[in-house]
Amino acid sequence: MTRVVSLVPSLTEAVAATLPGVLVGATDWCVRPAGLDVTRIGGTKNPRLDRILALAPDLVIANEEENRAPDLDALRAAGLDVLVTEVRAVPQAFAELARVLAACGAPTRPRWLAEAESAWSALPEPARRRTAVVPVWRRPWMVLGRDTFAGDVLARLGVDHVHAGHRDRYPRVPLAELRAAAPDLVVLPDEPYRFTADDGPEAFPGLPCALVSGRHLTWYGPSLAEAPRVLGEALRATHR
């Protein structure tokens, strides 16, 4: 059986759901599936390389956005096989998930992946499109910018975020500028910053705010199967 260390929470959930027992290590942020019993190797941005090496994995799975190139280079230099994914759109997520699972030893595509592809392909054309500001952090305020997976997810649900053409993928934008953009709504996920009803909406008086699941907005794994429904319901609740 292939021994795998995952440096990406989304991929951890995908591999654990498909190939139980394959994972031997995961980050401290890999919280799904609940009760995953593997060696913890630190954070996505500061993994304990010594712990990873001690596990002697056949494969380390990573992501070009979540993980730092110097860490991945160090693992390769130590002789480990490192598979790095790039996920910036929904179709790309399906292709990369299939690639990762095959590399981990899956003989066929799992049912959840087929269900996720079906859920997104069956999505109807939105009746109308709306604009949104999508913060992912505050103090300082940071928002979705160009070329992001979450931005593509929202676009497929009829929401075009106003900073999609920004030169940065996650730009810092002053709050006054976010308000001045006058979007139709503000989308507030609960990760990486945990926006809540009491922490976030008050910064945007007069604007509808959709509190959404960060896992369904930003994770690429089993959650993709229910993401269109879960996110769609949260977004529809803000219609004026």
Protein backbone atom coordinates (compact mmCIF):
# COMPACT_ATOMS: atom_id res chain seq x y z
CA MET A 1 0.00 0.00 0.00
CA THR A 2 1.26 3.46 -0.92
CA ARG A 3 2.29 5.63 2.03
CA VAL A 4 1.12 9.22 1.55
CA VAL A 5 1.68 12.49 3.41
CA SER A 6 -0.75 15.29 2.59
CA LEU A 7 0.08 18.96 2.99
CA VAL A 8 -3.38 20.14 1.86
CA PRO A 9 -6.61 19.79 3.89
CA SER A 10 -8.78 19.35 0.76
CA LEU A 11 -6.56 16.57 -0.56
CA THR A 12 -6.36 14.93 2.85
CA GLU A 13 -10.14 14.59 2.92
CA ALA A 14 -10.25 13.36 -0.66
CA VAL A 15 -7.61 10.67 -0.14
CA ALA A 16 -8.95 9.54 3.24
CA ALA A 17 -12.48 9.21 1.82
CA THR A 18 -11.25 7.18 -1.14
CA LEU A 19 -8.32 5.14 0.17
CA PRO A 20 -8.60 4.55 3.92
CA GLY A 21 -5.25 3.66 5.47
CA VAL A 22 -3.08 5.23 2.77
CA LEU A 23 -2.40 8.47 4.63
CA VAL A 24 0.38 8.32 7.20
CA GLY A 25 0.79 12.06 7.77
CA ALA A 26 -1.18 15.28 7.41
CA THR A 27 -1.05 18.88 8.55
CA ASP A 28 -2.51 20.25 11.75
CA TRP A 29 -5.16 21.97 9.60
CA CYS A 30 -6.38 18.70 8.09
CA VAL A 31 -9.53 18.42 10.18
CA ARG A 32 -11.54 16.17 7.85
CA PRO A 33 -12.50 13.46 8.03
CA ALA A 34 -13.15 13.81 11.73
CA GLY A 35 -10.99 11.56 13.86
CA LEU A 36 -8.29 11.07 11.23
CA ASP A 37 -5.54 9.19 13.04
CA VAL A 38 -2.25 10.06 11.36
CA THR A 39 1.00 11.76 12.34
CA ARG A 40 0.64 15.54 12.34
CA ILE A 41 3.48 17.30 10.58
CA GLY A 42 2.80 20.99 11.33
CA GLY A 43 1.08 23.63 9.23
CA THR A 44 0.64 24.02 5.50
CA LYS A 45 3.09 26.93 5.44
CA ASN A 46 5.52 25.57 8.04
CA PRO A 47 5.59 21.77 7.83
CA ARG A 48 8.01 19.81 10.00
CA LEU A 49 10.24 18.36 7.33
CA ASP A 50 11.96 16.06 9.81
CA ARG A 51 8.64 14.45 10.71
CA ILE A 52 7.75 13.97 7.06
CA LEU A 53 11.10 12.33 6.33
CA ALA A 54 10.77 10.07 9.36
CA LEU A 55 7.48 8.75 7.96
CA ALA A 56 9.30 7.59 4.81
CA PRO A 57 6.32 8.27 2.52
CA ASP A 58 6.15 7.04 -1.05
CA LEU A 59 4.41 10.27 -2.03
CA VAL A 60 3.85 13.77 -0.66
CA ILE A 61 0.86 15.63 -2.10
CA ALA A 62 0.88 19.42 -2.11
CA ASN A 63 -0.58 22.50 -3.79
CA GLU A 64 1.16 25.43 -5.46
CA GLU A 65 -0.91 27.95 -3.51
CA GLU A 66 -1.18 26.28 -0.10
CA ASN A 67 2.44 25.22 0.26
CA ARG A 68 5.77 27.03 -0.04
CA ALA A 69 8.13 26.13 -2.87
CA PRO A 70 11.25 26.02 -0.60
CA ASP A 71 9.63 23.33 1.57
CA LEU A 72 8.69 21.25 -1.46
CA ASP A 73 12.17 21.67 -2.93
CA ALA A 74 13.70 20.48 0.34
CA LEU A 75 11.53 17.36 0.32
CA ARG A 76 12.54 16.60 -3.25
CA ALA A 77 16.20 17.18 -2.39
CA ALA A 78 15.80 14.60 0.38
CA GLY A 79 14.66 12.07 -2.20
CA LEU A 80 10.89 12.19 -1.76
CA ASP A 81 8.36 12.12 -4.58
CA VAL A 82 6.27 15.33 -4.39
CA LEU A 83 3.10 15.78 -6.45
CA VAL A 84 2.09 19.45 -6.67
CA THR A 85 -1.45 20.35 -7.74
CA GLU A 86 -2.74 23.56 -9.28
CA VAL A 87 -6.45 24.27 -8.79
CA ARG A 88 -7.84 27.58 -10.01
CA ALA A 89 -11.14 26.47 -11.56
CA VAL A 90 -13.77 23.80 -10.96
CA PRO A 91 -12.91 21.62 -14.00
CA GLN A 92 -9.24 21.79 -13.03
CA ALA A 93 -10.17 20.57 -9.55
CA PHE A 94 -11.77 17.44 -10.98
CA ALA A 95 -8.75 16.72 -13.17
CA GLU A 96 -6.26 17.27 -10.35
CA LEU A 97 -8.26 15.17 -7.90
CA ALA A 98 -8.31 12.29 -10.37
CA ARG A 99 -4.54 12.66 -10.84
CA VAL A 100 -3.86 12.69 -7.10
CA LEU A 101 -6.08 9.70 -6.35
CA ALA A 102 -4.55 7.67 -9.16
CA ALA A 103 -1.05 8.49 -7.86
CA CYS A 104 -2.16 7.34 -4.40
CA GLY A 105 -3.30 4.00 -5.79
CA ALA A 106 -7.00 4.40 -6.57
CA PRO A 107 -7.90 1.96 -9.39
CA THR A 108 -10.93 3.98 -10.53
CA ARG A 109 -12.58 7.34 -9.91
CA PRO A 110 -14.52 7.27 -6.62
CA ARG A 111 -18.29 7.71 -6.58
CA TRP A 112 -18.10 11.04 -4.76
CA LEU A 113 -15.98 12.51 -7.55
CA ALA A 114 -18.48 11.40 -10.19
CA GLU A 115 -21.30 12.87 -8.10
CA ALA A 116 -19.43 16.15 -7.77
CA GLU A 117 -18.83 16.40 -11.51
CA SER A 118 -22.50 15.64 -12.14
CA ALA A 119 -23.64 18.27 -9.64
CA TRP A 120 -21.61 21.00 -11.33
CA SER A 121 -22.39 19.95 -14.91
CA ALA A 122 -26.13 19.96 -14.11
CA LEU A 123 -25.99 23.48 -12.70
CA PRO A 124 -28.48 25.70 -14.59
CA GLU A 125 -27.47 29.03 -16.07
CA PRO A 126 -28.04 31.68 -13.36
CA ALA A 127 -31.23 33.68 -13.90
CA ARG A 128 -29.30 36.87 -13.19
CA ARG A 129 -25.78 37.80 -12.30
CA ARG A 130 -24.71 39.81 -9.27
CA THR A 131 -21.48 41.49 -8.24
CA ALA A 132 -19.78 40.82 -4.92
CA VAL A 133 -16.86 41.75 -2.74
CA VAL A 134 -15.38 38.59 -1.20
CA PRO A 135 -13.17 39.21 1.83
CA VAL A 136 -10.99 36.33 3.02
CA TRP A 137 -9.28 38.24 5.84
CA ARG A 138 -9.58 41.38 7.90
CA ARG A 139 -6.98 43.41 9.80
CA PRO A 140 -5.91 43.99 7.07
CA TRP A 141 -8.78 43.45 4.68
CA MET A 142 -7.91 40.98 1.91
CA VAL A 143 -10.25 39.82 -0.84
CA LEU A 144 -10.43 37.37 -3.70
CA GLY A 145 -8.54 38.71 -6.70
CA ARG A 146 -7.66 37.21 -10.05
CA ASP A 147 -7.52 33.58 -11.03
CA THR A 148 -8.85 31.84 -7.90
CA PHE A 149 -10.76 28.60 -7.44
CA ALA A 150 -13.27 30.31 -5.13
CA GLY A 151 -13.83 33.02 -7.71
CA ASP A 152 -14.64 30.42 -10.36
CA VAL A 153 -17.01 28.63 -7.96
CA LEU A 154 -18.92 31.87 -7.36
CA ALA A 155 -18.99 32.78 -11.05
CA ARG A 156 -20.65 29.45 -11.85
CA LEU A 157 -23.30 30.33 -9.26
CA GLY A 158 -24.01 33.72 -10.83
CA VAL A 159 -21.78 35.90 -8.63
CA ASP A 160 -18.97 37.92 -10.22
CA HIS A 161 -16.54 39.32 -7.69
CA VAL A 162 -15.43 42.86 -8.37
CA HIS A 163 -11.68 42.27 -7.94
CA ALA A 164 -11.43 39.43 -10.48
CA GLY A 165 -9.28 41.61 -12.69
CA HIS A 166 -6.87 42.71 -9.96
CA ARG A 167 -3.19 42.03 -10.60
CA ASP A 168 -2.93 40.10 -7.31
CA ARG A 169 -4.72 36.90 -6.44
CA TYR A 170 -5.47 38.00 -2.86
CA PRO A 171 -5.06 41.77 -2.77
CA ARG A 172 -5.16 43.96 0.29
CA VAL A 173 -7.88 46.53 -0.25
CA PRO A 174 -8.87 49.29 2.23
CA LEU A 175 -12.35 48.92 3.66
CA ALA A 176 -13.41 52.29 2.28
CA GLU A 177 -12.52 51.10 -1.21
CA LEU A 178 -14.47 47.86 -0.72
CA ARG A 179 -17.55 49.83 0.27
CA ALA A 180 -17.07 52.29 -2.60
CA ALA A 181 -17.18 49.40 -5.08
CA ALA A 182 -20.93 49.25 -4.32
CA PRO A 183 -21.37 45.52 -4.98
CA ASP A 184 -24.74 43.81 -4.99
CA LEU A 185 -23.63 41.75 -2.00
CA VAL A 186 -20.70 40.81 0.22
CA VAL A 187 -19.71 37.13 0.49
CA LEU A 188 -18.15 36.26 3.86
CA PRO A 189 -16.70 32.74 4.24
CA ASP A 190 -15.87 31.20 7.61
CA GLU A 191 -12.30 30.42 6.56
CA PRO A 192 -9.46 31.28 6.37
CA TYR A 193 -10.81 34.16 8.47
CA ARG A 194 -13.85 33.08 10.45
CA PHE A 195 -16.44 35.68 9.52
CA THR A 196 -19.66 35.38 11.53
CA ALA A 197 -22.94 37.25 11.88
CA ASP A 198 -21.25 39.39 14.55
CA ASP A 199 -17.89 39.78 12.84
CA GLY A 200 -17.93 41.06 9.28
CA PRO A 201 -21.39 42.26 8.20
CA GLU A 202 -21.19 45.34 10.42
CA ALA A 203 -18.35 46.64 8.23
CA PHE A 204 -20.70 46.83 5.24
CA PRO A 205 -23.79 48.73 6.37
CA GLY A 206 -26.63 48.66 3.86
CA LEU A 207 -25.19 45.77 1.86
CA PRO A 208 -26.60 42.23 1.89
CA CYS A 209 -24.05 39.80 3.33
CA ALA A 210 -23.95 36.08 2.60
CA LEU A 211 -22.24 34.05 5.31
CA VAL A 212 -20.97 30.94 3.52
CA SER A 213 -19.08 27.75 4.31
CA GLY A 214 -15.41 28.21 3.55
CA ARG A 215 -15.07 24.48 3.01
CA HIS A 216 -17.69 24.53 0.27
CA LEU A 217 -16.25 27.67 -1.29
CA THR A 218 -12.53 26.87 -1.23
CA TRP A 219 -12.04 23.12 -0.73
CA TYR A 220 -11.74 20.71 -3.64
CA GLY A 221 -12.72 17.25 -2.46
CA PRO A 222 -15.88 15.41 -1.41
CA SER A 223 -17.47 18.75 -0.43
CA LEU A 224 -17.69 19.62 -4.15
CA ALA A 225 -20.68 17.29 -4.50
CA GLU A 226 -22.87 19.40 -2.23
CA ALA A 227 -21.22 22.78 -2.75
CA PRO A 228 -23.61 24.01 -5.50
CA ARG A 229 -26.62 23.40 -3.26
CA VAL A 230 -25.10 24.66 0.01
CA LEU A 231 -23.58 27.79 -1.50
CA GLY A 232 -26.58 28.42 -3.73
CA GLU A 233 -28.91 28.45 -0.75
CA ALA A 234 -26.69 30.90 1.16
CA LEU A 235 -26.41 33.22 -1.84
CA ARG A 236 -30.13 33.11 -2.66
CA ALA A 237 -30.92 34.15 0.91
CA THR A 238 -29.44 37.57 0.16
CA HIS A 239 -31.65 38.40 -2.83
CA ARG A 240 -33.25 41.80 -2.41
